[in-house]
């Protein structure tokens, strides 16, 4: 994992990586702030643990949630 505070486009340097198209990184605070500024109320935030199969294949991912789930509503 690189610099969490550096938002923007990034591409893996791993030649065997599955994501050759690249990714757009944003901090969690960017998502939360944007939702609040646009009148949303955040009702839940979930960061699930990676699947056991993923951890077995890629142990470094053990402590990294694969995605973020947020639910909310317009206030």
C-alpha atoms as a PDB file:
ATOM      1  CA  UNK A   1       0.000   0.000   0.000  1.00  0.00           C
ATOM      2  CA  UNK A   2       1.310   3.419  -0.903  1.00  0.00           C
ATOM      3  CA  UNK A   3       0.618   6.837   0.569  1.00  0.00           C
ATOM      4  CA  UNK A   4      -3.008   6.777   1.741  1.00  0.00           C
ATOM      5  CA  UNK A   5      -3.111  10.592   1.791  1.00  0.00           C
ATOM      6  CA  UNK A   6      -2.182  10.874  -1.907  1.00  0.00           C
ATOM      7  CA  UNK A   7      -5.497  10.950  -3.757  1.00  0.00           C
ATOM      8  CA  UNK A   8      -5.651  10.398  -7.479  1.00  0.00           C
ATOM      9  CA  UNK A   9      -5.030   7.898 -10.233  1.00  0.00           C
ATOM     10  CA  UNK A  10      -2.565   5.084  -9.669  1.00  0.00           C
ATOM     11  CA  UNK A  11      -1.507   1.971 -11.499  1.00  0.00           C
ATOM     12  CA  UNK A  12       0.101  -1.114  -9.980  1.00  0.00           C
ATOM     13  CA  UNK A  13       3.791  -1.607 -10.709  1.00  0.00           C
ATOM     14  CA  UNK A  14       3.255  -5.381 -10.484  1.00  0.00           C
ATOM     15  CA  UNK A  15       3.602  -6.805 -14.034  1.00  0.00           C
ATOM     16  CA  UNK A  16       1.424  -9.772 -13.012  1.00  0.00           C
ATOM     17  CA  UNK A  17      -1.240  -7.580 -11.432  1.00  0.00           C
ATOM     18  CA  UNK A  18      -4.865  -8.091 -12.361  1.00  0.00           C
ATOM     19  CA  UNK A  19      -5.659  -4.359 -12.448  1.00  0.00           C
ATOM     20  CA  UNK A  20      -3.644  -3.049 -15.345  1.00  0.00           C
ATOM     21  CA  UNK A  21      -6.291  -0.408 -16.082  1.00  0.00           C
ATOM     22  CA  UNK A  22      -5.418   1.475 -12.891  1.00  0.00           C
ATOM     23  CA  UNK A  23      -7.502   2.795 -10.034  1.00  0.00           C
ATOM     24  CA  UNK A  24      -8.743   6.081  -8.648  1.00  0.00           C
ATOM     25  CA  UNK A  25      -7.891   6.406  -4.944  1.00  0.00           C
ATOM     26  CA  UNK A  26      -9.790   8.655  -2.569  1.00  0.00           C
ATOM     27  CA  UNK A  27      -9.607   8.821   1.210  1.00  0.00           C
ATOM     28  CA  UNK A  28     -12.657   7.737   3.213  1.00  0.00           C
ATOM     29  CA  UNK A  29     -12.998  11.299   4.472  1.00  0.00           C
ATOM     30  CA  UNK A  30     -13.427  12.504   0.873  1.00  0.00           C
ATOM     31  CA  UNK A  31     -16.442  10.247   0.362  1.00  0.00           C
ATOM     32  CA  UNK A  32     -17.982  11.045   3.755  1.00  0.00           C
ATOM     33  CA  UNK A  33     -17.477  14.809   3.421  1.00  0.00           C
ATOM     34  CA  UNK A  34     -18.955  14.854  -0.081  1.00  0.00           C
ATOM     35  CA  UNK A  35     -22.070  12.976   1.030  1.00  0.00           C
ATOM     36  CA  UNK A  36     -22.572  15.278   4.027  1.00  0.00           C
ATOM     37  CA  UNK A  37     -22.046  18.415   1.910  1.00  0.00           C
ATOM     38  CA  UNK A  38     -24.752  17.198  -0.474  1.00  0.00           C
ATOM     39  CA  UNK A  39     -27.334  16.721   2.265  1.00  0.00           C
ATOM     40  CA  UNK A  40     -27.002  13.017   2.991  1.00  0.00           C
ATOM     41  CA  UNK A  41     -27.247  11.358   6.384  1.00  0.00           C
ATOM     42  CA  UNK A  42     -24.916   8.387   6.676  1.00  0.00           C
ATOM     43  CA  UNK A  43     -26.732   5.446   8.246  1.00  0.00           C
ATOM     44  CA  UNK A  44     -24.052   2.755   8.145  1.00  0.00           C
ATOM     45  CA  UNK A  45     -20.485   2.103   7.040  1.00  0.00           C
ATOM     46  CA  UNK A  46     -19.100  -1.416   6.561  1.00  0.00           C
ATOM     47  CA  UNK A  47     -15.548  -2.459   5.705  1.00  0.00           C
ATOM     48  CA  UNK A  48     -15.705  -6.260   5.395  1.00  0.00           C
ATOM     49  CA  UNK A  49     -12.710  -8.513   5.946  1.00  0.00           C
ATOM     50  CA  UNK A  50     -11.288 -10.204   2.862  1.00  0.00           C
ATOM     51  CA  UNK A  51     -12.411 -13.709   2.000  1.00  0.00           C
ATOM     52  CA  UNK A  52     -10.298 -16.546   3.505  1.00  0.00           C
ATOM     53  CA  UNK A  53      -9.375 -17.727  -0.003  1.00  0.00           C
ATOM     54  CA  UNK A  54      -7.988 -14.295  -0.863  1.00  0.00           C
ATOM     55  CA  UNK A  55      -5.946 -14.201   2.358  1.00  0.00           C
ATOM     56  CA  UNK A  56      -4.588 -17.704   1.657  1.00  0.00           C
ATOM     57  CA  UNK A  57      -3.448 -16.603  -1.807  1.00  0.00           C
ATOM     58  CA  UNK A  58      -2.338 -13.083  -0.798  1.00  0.00           C
ATOM     59  CA  UNK A  59      -1.463 -12.932   2.942  1.00  0.00           C
ATOM     60  CA  UNK A  60      -0.658  -9.200   2.801  1.00  0.00           C
ATOM     61  CA  UNK A  61      -4.351  -8.532   2.159  1.00  0.00           C
ATOM     62  CA  UNK A  62      -5.374 -10.029   5.534  1.00  0.00           C
ATOM     63  CA  UNK A  63      -5.803  -6.610   7.152  1.00  0.00           C
ATOM     64  CA  UNK A  64      -7.224  -4.753   4.142  1.00  0.00           C
ATOM     65  CA  UNK A  65     -10.960  -4.552   3.461  1.00  0.00           C
ATOM     66  CA  UNK A  66     -11.558  -5.239  -0.248  1.00  0.00           C
ATOM     67  CA  UNK A  67     -14.278  -2.593  -0.473  1.00  0.00           C
ATOM     68  CA  UNK A  68     -16.366  -0.066   1.446  1.00  0.00           C
ATOM     69  CA  UNK A  69     -20.145  -0.177   1.814  1.00  0.00           C
ATOM     70  CA  UNK A  70     -22.032   2.936   2.874  1.00  0.00           C
ATOM     71  CA  UNK A  71     -25.743   3.480   3.168  1.00  0.00           C
ATOM     72  CA  UNK A  72     -27.485   6.749   3.676  1.00  0.00           C
ATOM     73  CA  UNK A  73     -30.442   8.901   2.770  1.00  0.00           C
ATOM     74  CA  UNK A  74     -31.132  12.470   1.814  1.00  0.00           C
ATOM     75  CA  UNK A  75     -31.911  14.532   4.883  1.00  0.00           C
END
